[in-house]
């Protein structure tokens, strides 16, 4: 690793540590979570529940996070279909809707050239299956001079409520800018993500993803609402054009989540 890379890695590590401390402090002092409950386990954005590489390929490899977006953006001829269930209470249930759990189904398509991908997704949740439309555009590719940078938004048509205290108000539209950089070795890369946003991602958010190998990844994040962690595992070889990615996560350090994602690179 070059001197500049070491300096960037050290700086990002300090910032991410500060974000985690802020998140843990906020969790310790907050009451029951009422904000953005339908986006609490999945945001329908690049890197959620399955990986994205710097050149816009989807699958088990690349950067992964639970809820926060990564700047790497799926490019042309890629798509993902993922199903996710988040627990509404402590413990584990196999239900996908109701008072115990909330399911999410997301369809995502990538367009544009590698490093400049444009991603659209259509996401529904299990209560009333109202649609949510999301978008992300990578405005800067990753290179030796700096990280990948992307801008995006969720719930562009304001279909969902931002708070369970106002369940009939469509006001969840949120925007963000995010950067992702890779550190570590090629065999065991570390992906650091930092961003700023409004609404769902109000203020600062960030995440770290560490790949134990080409199939298995561990991630942690502060998503502006709390601290989350997750693990993903690809069921097929990383060289496959398609893959199935298992996901298991925990939100707010006490609410479990699990899911399965199908990815395809044509």
Protein backbone atom coordinates (compact mmCIF):
# COMPACT_ATOMS: atom_id res chain seq x y z
CA UNK A 1 0.00 0.00 0.00
CA UNK A 2 1.39 3.45 -0.95
CA UNK A 3 1.96 6.22 1.58
CA UNK A 4 -1.03 8.19 0.22
CA UNK A 5 -3.23 5.11 0.48
CA UNK A 6 -2.12 4.55 4.08
CA UNK A 7 -2.94 8.16 4.93
CA UNK A 8 -6.39 7.90 3.31
CA UNK A 9 -7.05 4.59 5.08
CA UNK A 10 -6.04 6.07 8.43
CA UNK A 11 -8.25 9.12 7.90
CA UNK A 12 -11.26 7.06 6.83
CA UNK A 13 -10.79 4.71 9.78
CA UNK A 14 -10.83 7.66 12.20
CA UNK A 15 -13.95 9.13 10.60
CA UNK A 16 -15.74 5.78 10.58
CA UNK A 17 -14.82 5.18 14.23
CA UNK A 18 -16.31 8.56 15.08
CA UNK A 19 -19.48 7.64 13.18
CA UNK A 20 -19.78 4.36 15.07
CA UNK A 21 -19.28 6.08 18.43
CA UNK A 22 -21.95 8.62 17.50
CA UNK A 23 -24.28 5.82 16.42
CA UNK A 24 -23.82 3.79 19.60
CA UNK A 25 -24.36 6.92 21.70
CA UNK A 26 -27.52 7.76 19.76
CA UNK A 27 -28.78 4.21 20.23
CA UNK A 28 -28.11 4.26 23.95
CA UNK A 29 -30.12 7.45 24.44
CA UNK A 30 -32.89 6.95 21.89
CA UNK A 31 -36.37 5.62 22.51
CA UNK A 32 -38.13 3.03 20.31
CA UNK A 33 -37.23 3.39 16.64
CA UNK A 34 -40.09 5.03 14.73
CA UNK A 35 -38.32 6.60 11.74
CA UNK A 36 -38.11 5.02 8.28
CA UNK A 37 -39.16 1.60 9.59
CA UNK A 38 -39.85 0.30 6.08
CA UNK A 39 -36.27 1.18 5.05
CA UNK A 40 -34.71 -0.06 8.28
CA UNK A 41 -33.30 -3.36 6.96
CA UNK A 42 -32.95 -2.66 3.26
CA UNK A 43 -32.84 0.54 1.22
CA UNK A 44 -32.95 -0.98 -2.29
CA UNK A 45 -29.60 0.59 -3.20
CA UNK A 46 -26.30 -0.68 -4.68
CA UNK A 47 -24.44 -2.94 -2.27
CA UNK A 48 -27.47 -3.72 -0.10
CA UNK A 49 -27.45 -7.46 0.67
CA UNK A 50 -25.12 -8.35 -2.24
CA UNK A 51 -21.86 -7.09 -3.73
CA UNK A 52 -20.92 -4.54 -6.38
CA UNK A 53 -17.43 -4.27 -7.87
CA UNK A 54 -15.62 -1.11 -8.94
CA UNK A 55 -16.43 -1.90 -12.58
CA UNK A 56 -20.15 -2.27 -11.90
CA UNK A 57 -20.53 -6.05 -11.74
CA UNK A 58 -22.99 -7.54 -9.24
CA UNK A 59 -22.74 -10.76 -7.25
CA UNK A 60 -20.93 -12.15 -4.23
CA UNK A 61 -17.75 -10.12 -4.79
CA UNK A 62 -17.15 -6.40 -4.27
CA UNK A 63 -18.46 -3.99 -1.63
CA UNK A 64 -21.48 -4.97 0.51
CA UNK A 65 -23.47 -3.09 3.16
CA UNK A 66 -26.79 -3.67 4.87
CA UNK A 67 -28.68 -0.38 4.40
CA UNK A 68 -26.25 2.34 3.31
CA UNK A 69 -25.41 2.61 -0.40
CA UNK A 70 -21.93 1.97 -1.76
CA UNK A 71 -20.63 4.28 -4.49
CA UNK A 72 -19.83 1.40 -6.82
CA UNK A 73 -22.86 1.32 -9.12
CA UNK A 74 -24.16 -1.53 -11.32
CA UNK A 75 -23.47 -0.85 -14.99
CA UNK A 76 -25.19 -2.01 -18.18
CA UNK A 77 -26.53 -5.56 -18.51
CA UNK A 78 -26.72 -6.22 -14.78
CA UNK A 79 -29.69 -6.80 -12.51
CA UNK A 80 -30.55 -7.98 -9.01
CA UNK A 81 -33.68 -9.48 -7.44
CA UNK A 82 -33.58 -9.66 -3.67
CA UNK A 83 -35.94 -10.66 -0.89
CA UNK A 84 -35.30 -9.54 2.68
CA UNK A 85 -37.13 -9.95 5.99
CA UNK A 86 -36.47 -7.77 9.04
CA UNK A 87 -37.71 -8.53 12.54
CA UNK A 88 -39.94 -5.96 14.20
CA UNK A 89 -39.03 -7.32 17.64
CA UNK A 90 -36.11 -9.17 19.18
CA UNK A 91 -35.82 -12.83 18.20
CA UNK A 92 -36.25 -14.65 14.89
CA UNK A 93 -39.41 -15.51 12.95
CA UNK A 94 -40.01 -16.95 9.48
CA UNK A 95 -42.98 -14.67 8.79
CA UNK A 96 -42.64 -12.03 6.08
CA UNK A 97 -45.37 -9.61 7.21
CA UNK A 98 -47.36 -8.57 10.28
CA UNK A 99 -46.38 -7.35 13.73
CA UNK A 100 -43.40 -9.71 13.98
CA UNK A 101 -41.63 -9.07 10.68
CA UNK A 102 -41.59 -6.87 7.58
CA UNK A 103 -40.56 -8.25 4.20
CA UNK A 104 -39.01 -6.34 1.31
CA UNK A 105 -38.77 -7.29 -2.36
CA UNK A 106 -36.47 -5.32 -4.65
CA UNK A 107 -35.82 -5.37 -8.41
CA UNK A 108 -32.75 -3.45 -9.61
CA UNK A 109 -31.34 -2.74 -13.09
CA UNK A 110 -27.97 -1.31 -14.07
CA UNK A 111 -27.24 0.89 -17.10
CA UNK A 112 -24.26 2.85 -18.45
CA UNK A 113 -20.60 2.02 -18.81
CA UNK A 114 -18.41 0.56 -16.03
CA UNK A 115 -17.39 3.21 -13.52
CA UNK A 116 -20.28 5.46 -14.60
CA UNK A 117 -23.20 3.19 -13.83
CA UNK A 118 -26.82 4.28 -13.52
CA UNK A 119 -28.98 2.11 -11.24
CA UNK A 120 -32.77 2.04 -10.95
CA UNK A 121 -34.72 -0.07 -8.49
CA UNK A 122 -38.36 -0.83 -7.77
CA UNK A 123 -38.89 -1.85 -4.16
CA UNK A 124 -42.03 -2.98 -2.31
CA UNK A 125 -42.62 -3.95 1.31
CA UNK A 126 -44.97 -6.58 2.66
CA UNK A 127 -47.56 -4.40 4.41
CA UNK A 128 -49.46 -2.96 1.43
CA UNK A 129 -46.87 -3.51 -1.34
CA UNK A 130 -46.69 0.18 -2.12
CA UNK A 131 -43.94 0.88 -4.66
CA UNK A 132 -40.73 2.73 -3.91
CA UNK A 133 -38.56 4.04 -6.76
CA UNK A 134 -34.82 4.50 -6.14
CA UNK A 135 -31.95 5.71 -8.31
CA UNK A 136 -28.15 6.05 -8.10
CA UNK A 137 -25.68 7.53 -10.59
CA UNK A 138 -21.93 7.08 -10.27
CA UNK A 139 -20.38 10.43 -11.13
CA UNK A 140 -16.75 9.43 -10.58
CA UNK A 141 -15.03 6.06 -11.13
CA UNK A 142 -12.53 4.67 -8.69
CA UNK A 143 -8.94 5.33 -9.78
CA UNK A 144 -5.47 5.97 -8.33
CA UNK A 145 -6.38 9.61 -7.67
CA UNK A 146 -9.32 8.92 -5.40
CA UNK A 147 -12.48 6.99 -4.51
CA UNK A 148 -15.62 6.26 -6.49
CA UNK A 149 -18.36 8.85 -5.92
CA UNK A 150 -22.10 8.53 -6.56
CA UNK A 151 -25.28 10.50 -5.96
CA UNK A 152 -28.75 9.08 -5.51
CA UNK A 153 -32.16 9.08 -3.89
CA UNK A 154 -34.81 6.78 -2.45
CA UNK A 155 -38.59 6.93 -2.68
CA UNK A 156 -38.43 9.53 -5.44
CA UNK A 157 -42.23 9.77 -5.71
CA UNK A 158 -42.81 10.10 -1.95
CA UNK A 159 -44.95 6.97 -1.61
CA UNK A 160 -43.95 6.00 1.93
CA UNK A 161 -44.09 7.59 5.38
CA UNK A 162 -40.90 8.65 7.11
CA UNK A 163 -42.36 8.00 10.58
CA UNK A 164 -44.80 5.50 12.06
CA UNK A 165 -46.23 8.47 13.98
CA UNK A 166 -47.47 9.84 10.60
CA UNK A 167 -48.38 6.61 8.76
CA UNK A 168 -50.46 8.27 6.02
CA UNK A 169 -48.00 11.01 5.07
CA UNK A 170 -45.81 10.35 2.02
CA UNK A 171 -42.61 12.15 2.94
CA UNK A 172 -39.79 9.58 2.80
CA UNK A 173 -37.99 11.01 -0.26
CA UNK A 174 -34.27 11.26 0.59
CA UNK A 175 -31.08 12.21 -1.26
CA UNK A 176 -27.41 11.46 -0.67
CA UNK A 177 -23.85 11.61 -1.96
CA UNK A 178 -21.51 8.72 -1.18
CA UNK A 179 -17.87 7.73 -1.73
CA UNK A 180 -16.28 4.26 -1.63
CA UNK A 181 -12.56 3.41 -1.54
CA UNK A 182 -10.76 0.05 -1.49
CA UNK A 183 -7.85 -0.78 0.82
CA UNK A 184 -6.05 -3.92 1.95
CA UNK A 185 -4.86 -6.72 -0.30
CA UNK A 186 -6.46 -8.08 -3.45
CA UNK A 187 -7.15 -11.36 -1.62
CA UNK A 188 -8.73 -9.64 1.40
CA UNK A 189 -9.94 -6.18 0.33
CA UNK A 190 -11.48 -3.66 2.71
CA UNK A 191 -14.11 -1.29 1.29
CA UNK A 192 -14.69 1.95 3.18
CA UNK A 193 -17.84 3.96 2.43
CA UNK A 194 -18.71 7.45 3.66
CA UNK A 195 -21.66 9.66 2.75
CA UNK A 196 -23.91 12.60 3.54
CA UNK A 197 -27.63 12.75 2.98
CA UNK A 198 -31.12 13.95 3.84
CA UNK A 199 -34.14 12.16 5.29
CA UNK A 200 -33.37 8.44 5.62
CA UNK A 201 -29.64 9.22 5.51
CA UNK A 202 -29.82 12.57 7.29
CA UNK A 203 -26.35 13.77 8.23
CA UNK A 204 -23.33 11.49 7.95
CA UNK A 205 -23.32 7.74 7.39
CA UNK A 206 -20.61 5.19 6.72
CA UNK A 207 -19.65 1.56 6.51
CA UNK A 208 -16.78 -0.90 6.30
CA UNK A 209 -16.80 -4.19 4.39
CA UNK A 210 -14.08 -6.84 4.79
CA UNK A 211 -13.84 -9.82 2.45
CA UNK A 212 -12.55 -13.01 4.01
CA UNK A 213 -12.59 -14.55 0.53
CA UNK A 214 -14.41 -14.17 -2.79
CA UNK A 215 -17.62 -15.65 -1.37
CA UNK A 216 -17.74 -14.43 2.23
CA UNK A 217 -17.92 -10.81 3.46
CA UNK A 218 -18.44 -9.08 6.81
CA UNK A 219 -19.79 -5.53 7.06
CA UNK A 220 -20.55 -2.93 9.72
CA UNK A 221 -22.18 0.47 9.31
CA UNK A 222 -23.72 3.53 10.91
CA UNK A 223 -26.69 4.46 8.71
CA UNK A 224 -27.69 7.70 10.52
CA UNK A 225 -30.42 5.79 12.41
CA UNK A 226 -28.26 3.24 14.21
CA UNK A 227 -25.47 0.69 14.03
CA UNK A 228 -25.90 -2.41 11.86
CA UNK A 229 -23.83 -5.43 10.92
CA UNK A 230 -24.18 -8.15 8.29
CA UNK A 231 -22.58 -11.16 6.64
CA UNK A 232 -23.07 -12.31 3.01
CA UNK A 233 -22.11 -15.57 1.32
CA UNK A 234 -22.23 -16.42 -2.39
CA UNK A 235 -23.52 -19.89 -3.20
CA UNK A 236 -21.88 -20.04 -6.64
CA UNK A 237 -18.36 -19.37 -7.89
CA UNK A 238 -17.46 -15.66 -8.22
CA UNK A 239 -16.69 -16.15 -11.93
CA UNK A 240 -20.31 -17.18 -12.63
CA UNK A 241 -22.45 -14.73 -14.60
CA UNK A 242 -25.24 -15.33 -12.10
CA UNK A 243 -25.15 -15.95 -8.37
CA UNK A 244 -27.26 -16.48 -5.28
CA UNK A 245 -26.14 -14.49 -2.24
CA UNK A 246 -27.26 -15.36 1.29
CA UNK A 247 -27.62 -12.46 3.73
CA UNK A 248 -27.86 -12.31 7.51
CA UNK A 249 -27.83 -9.04 9.42
CA UNK A 250 -28.64 -7.23 12.63
CA UNK A 251 -30.08 -3.69 12.90
CA UNK A 252 -29.79 -1.42 15.92
CA UNK A 253 -27.69 -4.19 17.50
CA UNK A 254 -30.84 -6.18 18.39
CA UNK A 255 -33.19 -6.69 15.39
CA UNK A 256 -32.34 -9.61 13.10
CA UNK A 257 -32.67 -9.68 9.32
CA UNK A 258 -32.13 -12.30 6.63
CA UNK A 259 -32.49 -12.53 2.87
CA UNK A 260 -31.53 -14.00 -0.48
CA UNK A 261 -30.41 -12.14 -3.61
CA UNK A 262 -30.22 -13.32 -7.21
CA UNK A 263 -27.66 -11.42 -9.31
CA UNK A 264 -27.00 -11.52 -13.04
CA UNK A 265 -24.31 -10.04 -15.32
CA UNK A 266 -25.16 -10.50 -19.01
